[in-house]
Amino acid sequence: MKFIITRIYKKYPFPPLVWFMIIETAFARGAFFLAMPFIALRMYENAENTPTLIGVVLGVGPFVGTIAGFYVGHLSDLWGRRQILFWSLILWSTVFLGFSSTSSTFMFAILMAFNGLARAAFEPVSAALVSDLCTIKDPSGELQKSAFHLRYFSINIGAAIAPLIGASLMIRYPALGFQIASFAYLLSALSFRFFSKKYGMKAQEKAREKVSHEFKDVMSVLLRDKTLQIYLLAFFLLSLAFSQIDSILTLHLKDLFSHEGVKLFGRLLSLNGILVVLCTLPILKFTKKFDLNKSCAMSCLLWGVGYFIFGFAKIPLHFYWAMFFVTLGEIVVFANGNLIIETLAPAKMKGAYLGTTNLGYSGVVIGPALGGILMQWGGGELLFSTMSMLMILVAYLYMAARKNGEKNIIQT
């Protein structure tokens, strides 16, 4: 075992706190997938909650995250990452405890708002922290790229198992999955506090050069960065399409297969996680040979094929094939999302730039509601064929961002 750990560390010589963040991500996100994908089903138990209303409530969290997340990223540049990460985990723990005990649609909306705030604070700031620590040790950026890829890989370790357990709990003990998630986030917060002290994160933040720019200066830079704006539009459409998996797909499956549809949904999420765990490192190693934007564009086209199959599938086997294509597309796009934005960022604006991913991923604000409307109008066929066409548009935007970036380099 010691030999294996030594070999892994030689290949990925991250600072200890980066390793902790990668492992913690697997643990906490496993808890997330144990409960969060089943929020729509909990609400669907109330006959008064239509798919459209459920979609609107699910969009509250991303809406709050979009508004708050960008500014929180800027604050992390000013104040440091440590306190924001700790308190976002504490807030997340409280939110999941609330989900376990409420049946009120209004309370679901309030809790979704706080869930959006916690996620908007944790995701970009944790990515910025990993980037900071890796850049100190390796300014070339190769160590940082490996850390982002392993961080994405670790997210899906939890996703490979948790949905199966979550689906079973949803049928038998609906509140328990949310309670387990709450405890996991509390444990993550306390562990992060301990390890950040152990490895001197507070001293590192004090030694870091203080950021002198104001929020208006950040906005001025972002408004001039056309390449960033194209990426954010691509992320917006991507997140709008992706949000259907976490929200409306489960309703589509339940309509087709009743309670077996709930189990099928859990199996599909687990298949997604297992494929990501098995395929992420080989696929990312293979795509290193190619331009990143071209790889993402081709991956979006594969994703679109998967969505088209989702719309017209009638038997479980077809849904498994659909998830296979979606996962192949997801791996390259999501593993490189933060990396694409981080490479655009000035050194003192990493938190702010990574915070803009909340603006880009704001498609999940309207995605569930739009998906619910399309579902009511034309069923899964209309919903997922529309999302398939959106993925083609996203592929085009990746290539447009590449062309605009090359134009800026020539002008520079």
Protein backbone atom coordinates (compact mmCIF):
# COMPACT_ATOMS: atom_id res chain seq x y z
CA MET A 1 0.00 0.00 0.00
CA LYS A 2 2.84 2.37 0.89
CA PHE A 3 4.45 1.58 -2.48
CA ILE A 4 1.22 2.49 -4.33
CA ILE A 5 0.85 5.77 -2.42
CA THR A 6 4.49 6.67 -3.15
CA ARG A 7 4.03 6.04 -6.87
CA ILE A 8 0.84 8.12 -6.97
CA TYR A 9 2.55 11.00 -5.17
CA LYS A 10 5.53 10.88 -7.56
CA LYS A 11 3.16 11.15 -10.49
CA TYR A 12 0.98 13.83 -8.86
CA PRO A 13 3.17 15.72 -6.33
CA PHE A 14 0.42 18.02 -5.09
CA PRO A 15 0.71 19.96 -1.82
CA PRO A 16 -1.00 18.01 1.03
CA LEU A 17 -3.95 20.42 1.21
CA VAL A 18 -4.69 19.86 -2.50
CA TRP A 19 -4.83 16.12 -1.87
CA PHE A 20 -7.21 16.78 1.01
CA MET A 21 -9.46 18.90 -1.24
CA ILE A 22 -9.56 16.15 -3.87
CA ILE A 23 -10.44 13.43 -1.33
CA GLU A 24 -12.93 15.67 0.49
CA THR A 25 -14.62 16.42 -2.81
CA ALA A 26 -15.24 12.70 -3.43
CA PHE A 27 -16.71 12.30 0.06
CA ALA A 28 -18.92 15.39 0.09
CA ARG A 29 -20.16 15.07 -3.47
CA GLY A 30 -21.05 11.45 -2.81
CA ALA A 31 -23.34 12.75 -0.08
CA PHE A 32 -24.71 15.33 -2.52
CA PHE A 33 -25.64 12.66 -5.09
CA LEU A 34 -27.20 10.57 -2.35
CA ALA A 35 -29.93 13.17 -1.90
CA MET A 36 -30.01 16.14 -4.26
CA PRO A 37 -31.08 14.39 -7.51
CA PHE A 38 -34.24 13.23 -5.71
CA ILE A 39 -35.53 16.66 -4.68
CA ALA A 40 -37.87 16.72 -7.69
CA LEU A 41 -39.34 13.34 -6.69
CA ARG A 42 -39.93 14.52 -3.12
CA MET A 43 -41.85 17.49 -4.44
CA TYR A 44 -43.68 15.37 -7.03
CA GLU A 45 -45.30 13.42 -4.21
CA ASN A 46 -47.49 16.48 -3.66
CA ALA A 47 -50.21 16.31 -6.35
CA GLU A 48 -50.40 20.12 -6.46
CA ASN A 49 -46.80 20.39 -7.69
CA THR A 50 -46.76 20.28 -11.50
CA PRO A 51 -43.51 19.64 -13.43
CA THR A 52 -43.39 23.36 -14.28
CA LEU A 53 -43.76 24.44 -10.63
CA ILE A 54 -41.12 21.92 -9.56
CA GLY A 55 -38.83 23.28 -12.24
CA VAL A 56 -39.34 26.85 -11.01
CA VAL A 57 -38.49 25.88 -7.42
CA LEU A 58 -35.40 23.95 -8.53
CA GLY A 59 -34.28 27.05 -10.41
CA VAL A 60 -34.31 29.23 -7.27
CA GLY A 61 -30.97 27.88 -6.02
CA PRO A 62 -29.05 28.51 -9.25
CA PHE A 63 -30.66 31.95 -9.51
CA VAL A 64 -29.31 32.95 -6.09
CA GLY A 65 -25.99 31.33 -6.92
CA THR A 66 -25.71 33.32 -10.13
CA ILE A 67 -26.26 36.61 -8.33
CA ALA A 68 -24.03 35.86 -5.34
CA GLY A 69 -21.36 33.56 -6.73
CA PHE A 70 -19.55 36.06 -8.92
CA TYR A 71 -19.17 38.53 -6.06
CA VAL A 72 -18.17 35.80 -3.61
CA GLY A 73 -15.34 34.86 -5.98
CA HIS A 74 -14.16 38.48 -5.89
CA LEU A 75 -14.37 38.50 -2.07
CA SER A 76 -12.18 35.39 -1.94
CA ASP A 77 -9.51 37.33 -3.86
CA LEU A 78 -9.73 40.07 -1.23
CA TRP A 79 -10.22 38.10 2.00
CA GLY A 80 -8.72 34.70 1.19
CA ARG A 81 -10.35 31.32 0.53
CA ARG A 82 -10.31 29.69 3.97
CA GLN A 83 -13.27 31.25 5.81
CA ILE A 84 -15.52 31.27 2.74
CA LEU A 85 -14.97 27.55 2.19
CA PHE A 86 -15.57 26.65 5.83
CA TRP A 87 -18.82 28.60 6.18
CA SER A 88 -20.17 27.44 2.83
CA LEU A 89 -19.85 23.82 4.04
CA ILE A 90 -21.60 24.68 7.31
CA LEU A 91 -24.43 26.34 5.36
CA TRP A 92 -24.71 23.30 3.08
CA SER A 93 -25.02 21.01 6.10
CA THR A 94 -27.86 23.13 7.47
CA VAL A 95 -29.66 23.17 4.12
CA PHE A 96 -29.71 19.39 3.75
CA LEU A 97 -30.95 19.00 7.30
CA GLY A 98 -33.80 21.34 6.32
CA PHE A 99 -34.59 19.27 3.21
CA SER A 100 -34.96 16.19 5.40
CA SER A 101 -37.76 17.68 7.50
CA THR A 102 -39.89 19.87 5.23
CA SER A 103 -42.80 19.12 2.90
CA SER A 104 -43.72 22.73 2.17
CA THR A 105 -43.16 23.97 -1.40
CA PHE A 106 -42.34 27.42 -0.02
CA MET A 107 -39.70 25.99 2.34
CA PHE A 108 -38.22 23.95 -0.50
CA ALA A 109 -37.81 27.21 -2.40
CA ILE A 110 -36.10 28.93 0.58
CA LEU A 111 -33.76 25.99 1.13
CA MET A 112 -32.97 25.83 -2.58
CA ALA A 113 -31.94 29.50 -2.37
CA PHE A 114 -29.46 28.77 0.44
CA ASN A 115 -28.29 25.65 -1.40
CA GLY A 116 -27.49 27.84 -4.40
CA LEU A 117 -25.57 30.28 -2.23
CA ALA A 118 -23.50 27.51 -0.60
CA ARG A 119 -22.67 25.87 -3.92
CA ALA A 120 -21.83 29.20 -5.58
CA ALA A 121 -19.40 29.98 -2.77
CA PHE A 122 -17.78 26.55 -2.49
CA GLU A 123 -17.25 25.47 -6.11
CA PRO A 124 -15.30 28.42 -7.60
CA VAL A 125 -13.44 29.24 -4.38
CA SER A 126 -12.28 25.65 -3.88
CA ALA A 127 -11.11 25.61 -7.52
CA ALA A 128 -9.26 28.89 -6.93
CA LEU A 129 -7.61 27.43 -3.82
CA VAL A 130 -6.40 24.35 -5.72
CA SER A 131 -5.08 26.63 -8.46
CA ASP A 132 -3.26 28.85 -5.93
CA LEU A 133 -1.54 25.96 -4.18
CA CYS A 134 -0.50 24.18 -7.39
CA THR A 135 0.75 27.37 -9.05
CA ILE A 136 3.02 28.12 -6.07
CA LYS A 137 4.66 24.71 -6.49
CA ASP A 138 4.61 24.54 -10.31
CA PRO A 139 4.22 27.85 -12.23
CA SER A 140 4.11 25.95 -15.56
CA GLY A 141 0.48 24.97 -14.96
CA GLU A 142 0.87 21.22 -15.60
CA LEU A 143 0.40 20.32 -11.93
CA GLN A 144 -2.67 22.52 -11.78
CA LYS A 145 -4.17 20.85 -14.87
CA SER A 146 -3.68 17.41 -13.31
CA ALA A 147 -5.28 18.61 -10.06
CA PHE A 148 -8.38 19.91 -11.87
CA HIS A 149 -8.74 16.63 -13.75
CA LEU A 150 -8.37 14.53 -10.58
CA ARG A 151 -10.80 16.81 -8.75
CA TYR A 152 -13.42 16.17 -11.43
CA PHE A 153 -12.57 12.45 -11.29
CA SER A 154 -13.10 12.42 -7.51
CA ILE A 155 -16.53 14.03 -7.82
CA ASN A 156 -17.70 11.04 -9.81
CA ILE A 157 -16.35 8.42 -7.43
CA GLY A 158 -19.19 9.37 -5.11
CA ALA A 159 -21.59 9.70 -8.02
CA ALA A 160 -20.89 6.10 -9.05
CA ILE A 161 -22.42 4.59 -5.90
CA ALA A 162 -24.54 7.20 -4.12
CA PRO A 163 -27.51 7.42 -6.55
CA LEU A 164 -28.28 3.70 -6.19
CA ILE A 165 -28.40 4.09 -2.42
CA GLY A 166 -30.33 7.35 -2.74
CA ALA A 167 -33.00 5.77 -4.96
CA SER A 168 -33.53 2.97 -2.44
CA LEU A 169 -33.72 5.44 0.45
CA MET A 170 -36.11 7.68 -1.52
CA ILE A 171 -38.62 4.83 -1.78
CA ARG A 172 -38.26 3.53 1.80
CA TYR A 173 -36.87 6.33 4.02
CA PRO A 174 -37.15 9.62 2.10
CA ALA A 175 -35.61 11.82 4.82
CA LEU A 176 -32.58 9.66 5.65
CA GLY A 177 -30.54 10.42 2.54
CA PHE A 178 -30.76 14.16 3.25
CA GLN A 179 -29.77 13.63 6.89
CA ILE A 180 -26.70 11.62 5.84
CA ALA A 181 -25.75 14.40 3.41
CA SER A 182 -26.11 16.99 6.16
CA PHE A 183 -23.75 15.06 8.45
CA ALA A 184 -21.24 14.56 5.61
CA TYR A 185 -21.03 18.30 4.92
CA LEU A 186 -20.64 19.08 8.62
CA LEU A 187 -17.81 16.55 8.85
CA SER A 188 -16.24 18.06 5.72
CA ALA A 189 -16.33 21.54 7.25
CA LEU A 190 -14.66 20.43 10.48
CA SER A 191 -12.05 18.41 8.59
CA PHE A 192 -11.25 21.36 6.34
CA ARG A 193 -10.83 23.63 9.39
CA PHE A 194 -8.43 21.12 10.95
CA PHE A 195 -6.29 20.49 7.84
CA SER A 196 -6.15 24.13 6.77
CA LYS A 197 -4.65 24.93 10.19
CA LYS A 198 -2.34 21.89 10.10
CA TYR A 199 -0.84 22.90 6.75
CA GLY A 200 -0.57 26.61 7.48
CA MET A 201 -3.19 27.97 5.11
CA LYS A 202 -3.83 30.99 7.32
CA ALA A 203 -0.15 31.97 7.21
CA GLN A 204 -0.06 31.48 3.43
CA GLU A 205 -3.02 33.80 3.00
CA LYS A 206 -1.35 36.47 5.14
CA ALA A 207 1.83 36.18 3.08
CA ARG A 208 -0.05 36.41 -0.22
CA GLU A 209 0.18 39.72 -2.04
CA LYS A 210 -2.91 41.74 -1.25
CA VAL A 211 -5.37 42.44 -4.02
CA SER A 212 -5.84 46.17 -4.58
CA HIS A 213 -8.49 46.25 -7.31
CA GLU A 214 -12.13 47.03 -6.60
CA PHE A 215 -15.20 45.19 -7.88
CA LYS A 216 -15.79 47.81 -10.60
CA ASP A 217 -12.25 47.16 -11.91
CA VAL A 218 -13.02 43.45 -12.15
CA MET A 219 -16.25 44.18 -14.03
CA SER A 220 -14.39 46.43 -16.45
CA VAL A 221 -11.91 43.65 -17.30
CA LEU A 222 -14.63 41.04 -17.69
CA LEU A 223 -16.73 43.22 -19.96
CA ARG A 224 -13.75 43.65 -22.30
CA ASP A 225 -12.92 39.94 -22.46
CA LYS A 226 -14.91 38.76 -25.51
CA THR A 227 -13.48 35.24 -25.39
CA LEU A 228 -14.69 34.85 -21.81
CA GLN A 229 -18.15 36.08 -22.85
CA ILE A 230 -18.41 33.43 -25.59
CA TYR A 231 -17.41 30.72 -23.10
CA LEU A 232 -20.01 31.98 -20.62
CA LEU A 233 -22.73 31.77 -23.27
CA ALA A 234 -21.61 28.22 -24.08
CA PHE A 235 -21.66 27.33 -20.38
CA PHE A 236 -25.13 28.88 -20.05
CA LEU A 237 -26.62 26.69 -22.78
CA LEU A 238 -24.67 23.67 -21.55
CA SER A 239 -25.97 24.05 -18.01
CA LEU A 240 -29.51 24.63 -19.28
CA ALA A 241 -29.34 21.30 -21.12
CA PHE A 242 -27.54 19.45 -18.31
CA SER A 243 -30.10 20.55 -15.71
CA GLN A 244 -32.66 18.25 -17.33
CA ILE A 245 -30.80 15.21 -16.01
CA ASP A 246 -31.02 16.33 -12.39
CA SER A 247 -34.63 17.50 -12.63
CA ILE A 248 -37.01 16.55 -15.44
CA LEU A 249 -35.44 13.25 -16.58
CA THR A 250 -36.56 11.61 -13.35
CA LEU A 251 -40.18 12.74 -14.00
CA HIS A 252 -39.98 11.44 -17.58
CA LEU A 253 -38.80 8.04 -16.35
CA LYS A 254 -41.46 7.86 -13.66
CA ASP A 255 -44.16 8.62 -16.23
CA LEU A 256 -42.85 5.81 -18.45
CA PHE A 257 -42.05 3.14 -15.86
CA SER A 258 -43.74 4.21 -12.56
CA HIS A 259 -41.66 3.19 -9.47
CA GLU A 260 -39.31 1.20 -11.68
CA GLY A 261 -38.50 4.54 -13.32
CA VAL A 262 -37.16 5.83 -9.98
CA LYS A 263 -34.84 2.82 -9.73
CA LEU A 264 -33.83 3.24 -13.36
CA PHE A 265 -32.95 6.88 -12.69
CA GLY A 266 -30.66 5.84 -9.84
CA ARG A 267 -29.02 3.21 -12.04
CA LEU A 268 -28.47 5.74 -14.84
CA LEU A 269 -26.76 8.16 -12.46
CA SER A 270 -24.61 5.36 -11.12
CA LEU A 271 -23.73 4.28 -14.68
CA ASN A 272 -22.72 7.88 -15.34
CA GLY A 273 -20.49 7.92 -12.27
CA ILE A 274 -18.92 4.50 -12.99
CA LEU A 275 -18.14 5.45 -16.59
CA VAL A 276 -16.56 8.71 -15.46
CA VAL A 277 -14.42 6.90 -12.88
CA LEU A 278 -13.27 4.33 -15.44
CA CYS A 279 -12.89 6.60 -18.46
CA THR A 280 -11.87 10.07 -17.25
CA LEU A 281 -8.10 9.62 -17.01
CA PRO A 282 -7.73 7.59 -20.26
CA ILE A 283 -9.95 9.97 -22.24
CA LEU A 284 -8.26 13.11 -20.92
CA LYS A 285 -4.85 11.59 -21.65
CA PHE A 286 -5.99 10.87 -25.22
CA THR A 287 -7.50 14.34 -25.78
CA LYS A 288 -4.27 16.07 -24.65
CA LYS A 289 -3.08 15.47 -28.21
CA PHE A 290 -5.79 17.76 -29.57
CA ASP A 291 -6.84 21.37 -29.23
CA LEU A 292 -8.96 21.76 -26.09
CA ASN A 293 -11.77 23.65 -27.83
CA LYS A 294 -12.02 21.11 -30.63
CA SER A 295 -12.17 18.29 -28.09
CA CYS A 296 -14.96 20.04 -26.18
CA ALA A 297 -16.90 20.73 -29.40
CA MET A 298 -16.79 17.08 -30.48
CA SER A 299 -17.78 16.01 -26.97
CA CYS A 300 -20.84 18.28 -27.11
CA LEU A 301 -21.93 16.56 -30.32
CA LEU A 302 -21.71 13.16 -28.61
CA TRP A 303 -23.71 14.59 -25.73
CA GLY A 304 -26.36 15.73 -28.21
CA VAL A 305 -26.65 12.19 -29.58
CA GLY A 306 -27.30 10.94 -26.05
CA TYR A 307 -30.05 13.50 -25.48
CA PHE A 308 -31.73 12.60 -28.77
CA ILE A 309 -31.86 8.96 -27.65
CA PHE A 310 -33.30 10.02 -24.27
CA GLY A 311 -36.20 11.67 -26.05
CA PHE A 312 -37.28 8.66 -28.08
CA ALA A 313 -36.20 5.72 -25.90
CA LYS A 314 -38.95 3.34 -24.84
CA ILE A 315 -37.08 0.54 -23.06
CA PRO A 316 -34.43 0.74 -20.29
CA LEU A 317 -31.61 -0.50 -22.55
CA HIS A 318 -32.02 2.55 -24.79
CA PHE A 319 -31.70 4.85 -21.77
CA TYR A 320 -28.44 3.15 -20.79
CA TRP A 321 -27.06 3.78 -24.29
CA ALA A 322 -28.19 7.41 -24.07
CA MET A 323 -26.37 7.88 -20.76
CA PHE A 324 -23.28 6.27 -22.28
CA PHE A 325 -23.09 8.95 -24.99
CA VAL A 326 -23.94 11.76 -22.55
CA THR A 327 -21.14 10.63 -20.23
CA LEU A 328 -18.54 10.47 -22.99
CA GLY A 329 -19.42 14.05 -23.87
CA GLU A 330 -19.54 15.21 -20.26
CA ILE A 331 -16.06 13.98 -19.34
CA VAL A 332 -14.07 16.32 -21.57
CA VAL A 333 -16.38 19.33 -21.20
CA PHE A 334 -16.74 19.33 -17.41
CA ALA A 335 -13.20 18.24 -16.58
CA ASN A 336 -11.85 21.27 -18.45
CA GLY A 337 -14.49 23.89 -17.60
CA ASN A 338 -12.62 25.58 -14.74
CA LEU A 339 -9.31 25.11 -16.52
CA ILE A 340 -10.51 27.03 -19.59
CA ILE A 341 -11.61 29.98 -17.47
CA GLU A 342 -8.56 29.89 -15.18
CA THR A 343 -6.16 30.12 -18.12
CA LEU A 344 -7.87 33.36 -19.18
CA ALA A 345 -7.60 34.94 -15.73
CA PRO A 346 -5.05 37.55 -14.62
CA ALA A 347 -3.14 36.25 -11.59
CA LYS A 348 -4.88 38.54 -9.09
CA MET A 349 -8.38 37.88 -10.44
CA LYS A 350 -8.57 34.08 -10.36
CA GLY A 351 -11.38 34.03 -7.81
CA ALA A 352 -13.40 36.60 -9.74
CA TYR A 353 -12.89 34.87 -13.09
CA LEU A 354 -13.75 31.45 -11.67
CA GLY A 355 -16.73 33.09 -9.99
CA THR A 356 -18.02 34.01 -13.45
CA THR A 357 -18.70 30.31 -14.01
CA ASN A 358 -21.75 30.92 -11.82
CA LEU A 359 -22.93 33.40 -14.47
CA GLY A 360 -22.22 30.89 -17.21
CA TYR A 361 -23.88 28.00 -15.42
CA SER A 362 -26.96 30.12 -14.70
CA GLY A 363 -28.73 28.05 -17.34
CA VAL A 364 -29.81 25.82 -14.47
CA VAL A 365 -31.94 28.75 -13.26
CA ILE A 366 -34.38 28.47 -16.15
CA GLY A 367 -33.46 24.96 -17.32
CA PRO A 368 -35.77 22.97 -15.00
CA ALA A 369 -38.72 25.35 -15.57
CA LEU A 370 -38.20 25.33 -19.35
CA GLY A 371 -37.81 21.57 -19.25
CA GLY A 372 -41.06 21.26 -17.28
CA ILE A 373 -42.89 23.39 -19.85
CA LEU A 374 -41.52 21.38 -22.80
CA MET A 375 -42.40 18.17 -20.94
CA GLN A 376 -46.00 19.30 -20.49
CA TRP A 377 -46.28 20.46 -24.12
CA GLY A 378 -44.71 17.54 -25.95
CA GLY A 379 -43.37 15.00 -23.48
CA GLY A 380 -39.81 13.69 -23.41
CA GLU A 381 -39.58 13.70 -27.21
CA LEU A 382 -39.91 17.50 -27.48
CA LEU A 383 -37.80 18.16 -24.38
CA PHE A 384 -34.74 16.10 -25.25
CA SER A 385 -34.74 16.73 -29.00
CA THR A 386 -34.67 20.46 -28.17
CA MET A 387 -31.78 19.91 -25.77
CA SER A 388 -29.98 17.88 -28.44
CA MET A 389 -30.11 20.85 -30.82
CA LEU A 390 -28.79 23.13 -28.06
CA MET A 391 -25.73 20.89 -27.73
CA ILE A 392 -24.96 21.42 -31.42
CA LEU A 393 -25.04 25.19 -30.79
CA VAL A 394 -22.69 24.79 -27.80
CA ALA A 395 -20.22 22.92 -30.03
CA TYR A 396 -20.25 25.86 -32.43
CA LEU A 397 -19.60 28.33 -29.58
CA TYR A 398 -16.50 26.42 -28.44
CA MET A 399 -15.06 26.78 -31.93
CA ALA A 400 -16.04 30.46 -32.03
CA ALA A 401 -14.23 31.04 -28.70
CA ARG A 402 -11.14 29.34 -30.12
CA LYS A 403 -11.18 31.56 -33.19
CA ASN A 404 -11.66 34.72 -31.09
CA GLY A 405 -8.83 33.72 -28.76
CA GLU A 406 -6.45 33.23 -31.70
CA LYS A 407 -7.48 36.65 -33.05
CA ASN A 408 -6.64 38.30 -29.70
CA ILE A 409 -3.21 36.62 -29.63
CA ILE A 410 -2.42 37.91 -33.13
CA GLN A 411 -3.53 41.44 -32.19
CA THR A 412 -1.46 41.32 -29.01
